[in-house]
């Protein structure tokens, strides 16, 4: 089974458990904290994906980092460690947020930029997204210096790549074809 399908299954199961226990908002807040922690600290991502570090050590680190989280979030982390799937924690958290936003009638748009968006740029992007999708949209900004400039926008299955890196690669391909 590929990682993405497994992540969706874990996210759906967690979402259903949260609905039963009326803990959707608390667990979504936890999932957003997990995403932020993993994106802000590449060492954490490396630790989760490392086959050398034992599951017990990973569980101890995650328990120390996320000690203030809801019991369902802690249980998800423990389950992923026990099933040797902790490397997909980031993807499970992402899928949970997407599923929860869809349940609320919202879409989540992911915009990757070379620098963090300021408030004015974020408002402008949200206004355009609302026109395009006809839904209320939540914007998640990710920073990736490798795109050099511009942005990559993903909403559901749609992706718009206006990054400088992609444009340079396109020019390079066209140039090498013409030789």
C-alpha atoms as a PDB file:
ATOM      1  CA  UNK A   1       0.000   0.000   0.000  1.00  0.00           C
ATOM      2  CA  UNK A   2       1.471   3.368  -0.885  1.00  0.00           C
ATOM      3  CA  UNK A   3       2.180   5.965   1.795  1.00  0.00           C
ATOM      4  CA  UNK A   4      -0.489   8.419   0.673  1.00  0.00           C
ATOM      5  CA  UNK A   5      -3.324   5.888   0.880  1.00  0.00           C
ATOM      6  CA  UNK A   6      -2.149   4.750   4.286  1.00  0.00           C
ATOM      7  CA  UNK A   7      -1.947   8.357   5.488  1.00  0.00           C
ATOM      8  CA  UNK A   8      -5.526   8.985   4.342  1.00  0.00           C
ATOM      9  CA  UNK A   9      -6.704   5.906   6.226  1.00  0.00           C
ATOM     10  CA  UNK A  10      -5.008   6.989   9.455  1.00  0.00           C
ATOM     11  CA  UNK A  11      -6.386  10.526   9.010  1.00  0.00           C
ATOM     12  CA  UNK A  12      -9.940   9.275   8.368  1.00  0.00           C
ATOM     13  CA  UNK A  13      -9.848   6.982  11.387  1.00  0.00           C
ATOM     14  CA  UNK A  14      -8.554   9.812  13.569  1.00  0.00           C
ATOM     15  CA  UNK A  15     -11.239  12.146  12.218  1.00  0.00           C
ATOM     16  CA  UNK A  16     -13.983   9.629  13.021  1.00  0.00           C
ATOM     17  CA  UNK A  17     -12.615   9.156  16.542  1.00  0.00           C
ATOM     18  CA  UNK A  18     -12.532  12.931  17.013  1.00  0.00           C
ATOM     19  CA  UNK A  19     -16.153  13.197  15.878  1.00  0.00           C
ATOM     20  CA  UNK A  20     -17.200  10.582  18.438  1.00  0.00           C
ATOM     21  CA  UNK A  21     -15.364  12.398  21.228  1.00  0.00           C
ATOM     22  CA  UNK A  22     -16.179  15.919  19.997  1.00  0.00           C
ATOM     23  CA  UNK A  23     -12.508  16.831  19.794  1.00  0.00           C
ATOM     24  CA  UNK A  24     -12.213  17.936  16.169  1.00  0.00           C
ATOM     25  CA  UNK A  25     -10.993  21.476  16.816  1.00  0.00           C
ATOM     26  CA  UNK A  26      -8.449  20.466  19.461  1.00  0.00           C
ATOM     27  CA  UNK A  27      -6.953  17.721  17.316  1.00  0.00           C
ATOM     28  CA  UNK A  28      -6.860  19.950  14.219  1.00  0.00           C
ATOM     29  CA  UNK A  29      -4.903  22.495  16.273  1.00  0.00           C
ATOM     30  CA  UNK A  30      -2.519  19.676  17.245  1.00  0.00           C
ATOM     31  CA  UNK A  31      -2.130  18.566  13.613  1.00  0.00           C
ATOM     32  CA  UNK A  32      -1.279  22.127  12.570  1.00  0.00           C
ATOM     33  CA  UNK A  33       1.311  22.264  15.377  1.00  0.00           C
ATOM     34  CA  UNK A  34       2.806  18.991  14.121  1.00  0.00           C
ATOM     35  CA  UNK A  35       3.044  20.348  10.569  1.00  0.00           C
ATOM     36  CA  UNK A  36       4.681  23.549  11.802  1.00  0.00           C
ATOM     37  CA  UNK A  37       7.161  21.668  13.973  1.00  0.00           C
ATOM     38  CA  UNK A  38       8.202  19.321  11.171  1.00  0.00           C
ATOM     39  CA  UNK A  39       8.510  22.095   8.574  1.00  0.00           C
ATOM     40  CA  UNK A  40      10.374  24.440  10.952  1.00  0.00           C
ATOM     41  CA  UNK A  41      12.801  21.768  12.163  1.00  0.00           C
ATOM     42  CA  UNK A  42      14.246  19.565   9.392  1.00  0.00           C
ATOM     43  CA  UNK A  43      16.101  17.566  12.069  1.00  0.00           C
ATOM     44  CA  UNK A  44      12.731  16.336  13.346  1.00  0.00           C
ATOM     45  CA  UNK A  45      11.782  15.174   9.865  1.00  0.00           C
ATOM     46  CA  UNK A  46      15.141  13.409   9.556  1.00  0.00           C
ATOM     47  CA  UNK A  47      14.617  11.729  12.934  1.00  0.00           C
ATOM     48  CA  UNK A  48      11.146  10.461  11.970  1.00  0.00           C
ATOM     49  CA  UNK A  49      12.401   9.001   8.697  1.00  0.00           C
ATOM     50  CA  UNK A  50      15.590   7.495  10.116  1.00  0.00           C
ATOM     51  CA  UNK A  51      15.695   3.694  10.100  1.00  0.00           C
ATOM     52  CA  UNK A  52      18.622   3.817  12.552  1.00  0.00           C
ATOM     53  CA  UNK A  53      16.714   5.476  15.401  1.00  0.00           C
ATOM     54  CA  UNK A  54      14.485   3.023  17.269  1.00  0.00           C
ATOM     55  CA  UNK A  55      10.746   3.583  17.609  1.00  0.00           C
ATOM     56  CA  UNK A  56      10.984   3.919  21.387  1.00  0.00           C
ATOM     57  CA  UNK A  57      13.415   6.835  21.033  1.00  0.00           C
ATOM     58  CA  UNK A  58      11.193   8.483  18.415  1.00  0.00           C
ATOM     59  CA  UNK A  59       8.189   8.082  20.703  1.00  0.00           C
ATOM     60  CA  UNK A  60      10.072   9.666  23.621  1.00  0.00           C
ATOM     61  CA  UNK A  61      11.137  12.651  21.515  1.00  0.00           C
ATOM     62  CA  UNK A  62       7.642  13.186  20.119  1.00  0.00           C
ATOM     63  CA  UNK A  63       6.065  12.819  23.557  1.00  0.00           C
ATOM     64  CA  UNK A  64       8.421  15.465  24.922  1.00  0.00           C
ATOM     65  CA  UNK A  65       7.772  17.859  22.025  1.00  0.00           C
ATOM     66  CA  UNK A  66       3.998  17.404  21.925  1.00  0.00           C
ATOM     67  CA  UNK A  67       3.265  16.899  25.644  1.00  0.00           C
ATOM     68  CA  UNK A  68       0.436  19.487  25.621  1.00  0.00           C
ATOM     69  CA  UNK A  69      -1.551  17.745  22.874  1.00  0.00           C
ATOM     70  CA  UNK A  70      -4.964  16.087  23.088  1.00  0.00           C
ATOM     71  CA  UNK A  71      -5.065  12.396  24.054  1.00  0.00           C
ATOM     72  CA  UNK A  72      -6.274  11.447  20.553  1.00  0.00           C
ATOM     73  CA  UNK A  73      -3.253  13.160  18.978  1.00  0.00           C
ATOM     74  CA  UNK A  74      -0.915  11.410  21.396  1.00  0.00           C
ATOM     75  CA  UNK A  75      -2.637   8.118  20.609  1.00  0.00           C
ATOM     76  CA  UNK A  76      -2.158   8.671  16.876  1.00  0.00           C
ATOM     77  CA  UNK A  77       1.553   9.292  17.381  1.00  0.00           C
ATOM     78  CA  UNK A  78       1.859   6.160  19.527  1.00  0.00           C
ATOM     79  CA  UNK A  79      -0.043   4.102  16.941  1.00  0.00           C
ATOM     80  CA  UNK A  80       2.164   5.330  14.097  1.00  0.00           C
ATOM     81  CA  UNK A  81       5.305   4.506  16.104  1.00  0.00           C
ATOM     82  CA  UNK A  82       3.991   1.049  17.052  1.00  0.00           C
ATOM     83  CA  UNK A  83       3.067   0.294  13.422  1.00  0.00           C
ATOM     84  CA  UNK A  84       6.443   1.584  12.195  1.00  0.00           C
ATOM     85  CA  UNK A  85       4.678   4.319  10.196  1.00  0.00           C
ATOM     86  CA  UNK A  86       5.896   7.361  12.127  1.00  0.00           C
ATOM     87  CA  UNK A  87       7.731   8.660   9.041  1.00  0.00           C
ATOM     88  CA  UNK A  88       4.325   9.531   7.588  1.00  0.00           C
ATOM     89  CA  UNK A  89       3.255  11.684  10.554  1.00  0.00           C
ATOM     90  CA  UNK A  90       3.540  14.873   8.486  1.00  0.00           C
ATOM     91  CA  UNK A  91       1.383  13.438   5.709  1.00  0.00           C
ATOM     92  CA  UNK A  92      -1.226  12.086   8.152  1.00  0.00           C
ATOM     93  CA  UNK A  93      -1.467  15.507   9.822  1.00  0.00           C
ATOM     94  CA  UNK A  94      -1.857  17.168   6.430  1.00  0.00           C
ATOM     95  CA  UNK A  95      -4.571  14.733   5.322  1.00  0.00           C
ATOM     96  CA  UNK A  96      -6.412  15.176   8.633  1.00  0.00           C
ATOM     97  CA  UNK A  97      -6.519  18.950   8.143  1.00  0.00           C
ATOM     98  CA  UNK A  98      -7.729  18.588   4.560  1.00  0.00           C
ATOM     99  CA  UNK A  99     -10.470  16.139   5.596  1.00  0.00           C
ATOM    100  CA  UNK A 100     -11.551  18.330   8.505  1.00  0.00           C
ATOM    101  CA  UNK A 101     -11.680  21.447   6.317  1.00  0.00           C
ATOM    102  CA  UNK A 102     -13.748  19.543   3.741  1.00  0.00           C
ATOM    103  CA  UNK A 103     -16.095  18.445   6.537  1.00  0.00           C
ATOM    104  CA  UNK A 104     -16.551  22.111   7.445  1.00  0.00           C
ATOM    105  CA  UNK A 105     -17.228  22.982   3.787  1.00  0.00           C
ATOM    106  CA  UNK A 106     -13.857  24.630   3.314  1.00  0.00           C
ATOM    107  CA  UNK A 107     -10.894  23.927   1.106  1.00  0.00           C
ATOM    108  CA  UNK A 108      -7.267  24.173   2.134  1.00  0.00           C
ATOM    109  CA  UNK A 109      -4.956  25.895  -0.308  1.00  0.00           C
ATOM    110  CA  UNK A 110      -1.228  25.371   0.035  1.00  0.00           C
ATOM    111  CA  UNK A 111       0.950  28.145  -1.296  1.00  0.00           C
ATOM    112  CA  UNK A 112       4.694  27.622  -1.425  1.00  0.00           C
ATOM    113  CA  UNK A 113       6.795  30.754  -1.649  1.00  0.00           C
ATOM    114  CA  UNK A 114      10.471  31.623  -1.361  1.00  0.00           C
ATOM    115  CA  UNK A 115       9.717  34.003   1.531  1.00  0.00           C
ATOM    116  CA  UNK A 116       6.807  34.042   4.012  1.00  0.00           C
ATOM    117  CA  UNK A 117       3.667  35.816   2.802  1.00  0.00           C
ATOM    118  CA  UNK A 118       2.823  39.108   4.452  1.00  0.00           C
ATOM    119  CA  UNK A 119      -0.739  39.829   5.567  1.00  0.00           C
ATOM    120  CA  UNK A 120      -1.647  41.898   2.482  1.00  0.00           C
ATOM    121  CA  UNK A 121      -0.434  39.209   0.061  1.00  0.00           C
ATOM    122  CA  UNK A 122      -2.298  36.545   2.026  1.00  0.00           C
ATOM    123  CA  UNK A 123      -5.569  38.507   1.873  1.00  0.00           C
ATOM    124  CA  UNK A 124      -5.159  39.061  -1.859  1.00  0.00           C
ATOM    125  CA  UNK A 125      -4.509  35.356  -2.451  1.00  0.00           C
ATOM    126  CA  UNK A 126      -7.531  34.366  -0.338  1.00  0.00           C
ATOM    127  CA  UNK A 127      -9.786  36.731  -2.285  1.00  0.00           C
ATOM    128  CA  UNK A 128      -8.671  35.227  -5.605  1.00  0.00           C
ATOM    129  CA  UNK A 129      -9.038  31.677  -4.288  1.00  0.00           C
ATOM    130  CA  UNK A 130     -12.584  32.369  -3.099  1.00  0.00           C
ATOM    131  CA  UNK A 131     -13.475  33.485  -6.642  1.00  0.00           C
ATOM    132  CA  UNK A 132     -11.862  30.439  -8.252  1.00  0.00           C
ATOM    133  CA  UNK A 133     -13.184  27.729  -5.922  1.00  0.00           C
ATOM    134  CA  UNK A 134     -16.545  29.212  -4.864  1.00  0.00           C
ATOM    135  CA  UNK A 135     -15.767  27.939  -1.356  1.00  0.00           C
ATOM    136  CA  UNK A 136     -14.320  29.339   1.800  1.00  0.00           C
ATOM    137  CA  UNK A 137     -10.601  28.648   1.610  1.00  0.00           C
ATOM    138  CA  UNK A 138      -7.948  28.398   4.293  1.00  0.00           C
ATOM    139  CA  UNK A 139      -4.439  29.295   3.184  1.00  0.00           C
ATOM    140  CA  UNK A 140      -1.374  27.420   4.409  1.00  0.00           C
ATOM    141  CA  UNK A 141       1.935  29.088   3.535  1.00  0.00           C
ATOM    142  CA  UNK A 142       5.065  26.984   3.153  1.00  0.00           C
ATOM    143  CA  UNK A 143       8.495  28.449   2.557  1.00  0.00           C
ATOM    144  CA  UNK A 144      10.881  26.763   0.132  1.00  0.00           C
ATOM    145  CA  UNK A 145      13.894  28.811  -0.957  1.00  0.00           C
ATOM    146  CA  UNK A 146      14.529  26.389  -3.856  1.00  0.00           C
ATOM    147  CA  UNK A 147      11.702  27.921  -5.911  1.00  0.00           C
ATOM    148  CA  UNK A 148      13.747  31.173  -6.014  1.00  0.00           C
ATOM    149  CA  UNK A 149      10.681  33.420  -6.368  1.00  0.00           C
ATOM    150  CA  UNK A 150       7.053  33.392  -7.411  1.00  0.00           C
ATOM    151  CA  UNK A 151       4.792  30.745  -5.926  1.00  0.00           C
ATOM    152  CA  UNK A 152       3.307  27.272  -6.276  1.00  0.00           C
ATOM    153  CA  UNK A 153      -0.376  27.057  -5.381  1.00  0.00           C
ATOM    154  CA  UNK A 154      -2.201  23.791  -4.706  1.00  0.00           C
ATOM    155  CA  UNK A 155      -5.921  23.499  -3.999  1.00  0.00           C
ATOM    156  CA  UNK A 156      -7.241  19.955  -3.999  1.00  0.00           C
ATOM    157  CA  UNK A 157      -6.204  18.407  -7.319  1.00  0.00           C
ATOM    158  CA  UNK A 158      -5.388  21.742  -8.947  1.00  0.00           C
ATOM    159  CA  UNK A 159      -1.857  23.052  -8.994  1.00  0.00           C
ATOM    160  CA  UNK A 160      -0.596  26.315 -10.443  1.00  0.00           C
ATOM    161  CA  UNK A 161       3.174  26.686 -10.644  1.00  0.00           C
ATOM    162  CA  UNK A 162       4.350  30.270 -11.115  1.00  0.00           C
ATOM    163  CA  UNK A 163       7.774  29.735  -9.576  1.00  0.00           C
ATOM    164  CA  UNK A 164      10.935  31.214 -11.029  1.00  0.00           C
ATOM    165  CA  UNK A 165      12.681  27.828 -10.743  1.00  0.00           C
ATOM    166  CA  UNK A 166      10.077  26.185 -13.006  1.00  0.00           C
ATOM    167  CA  UNK A 167      10.236  29.029 -15.503  1.00  0.00           C
ATOM    168  CA  UNK A 168      14.042  28.772 -15.626  1.00  0.00           C
ATOM    169  CA  UNK A 169      13.835  25.008 -16.142  1.00  0.00           C
ATOM    170  CA  UNK A 170      11.343  25.510 -18.977  1.00  0.00           C
ATOM    171  CA  UNK A 171      13.659  28.018 -20.661  1.00  0.00           C
ATOM    172  CA  UNK A 172      16.581  25.624 -20.207  1.00  0.00           C
ATOM    173  CA  UNK A 173      14.636  22.761 -21.822  1.00  0.00           C
ATOM    174  CA  UNK A 174      13.579  24.939 -24.751  1.00  0.00           C
ATOM    175  CA  UNK A 175      17.127  26.187 -25.202  1.00  0.00           C
ATOM    176  CA  UNK A 176      18.642  22.685 -25.201  1.00  0.00           C
ATOM    177  CA  UNK A 177      15.976  21.477 -27.679  1.00  0.00           C
ATOM    178  CA  UNK A 178      16.881  24.212 -30.142  1.00  0.00           C
ATOM    179  CA  UNK A 179      20.571  23.240 -30.171  1.00  0.00           C
END
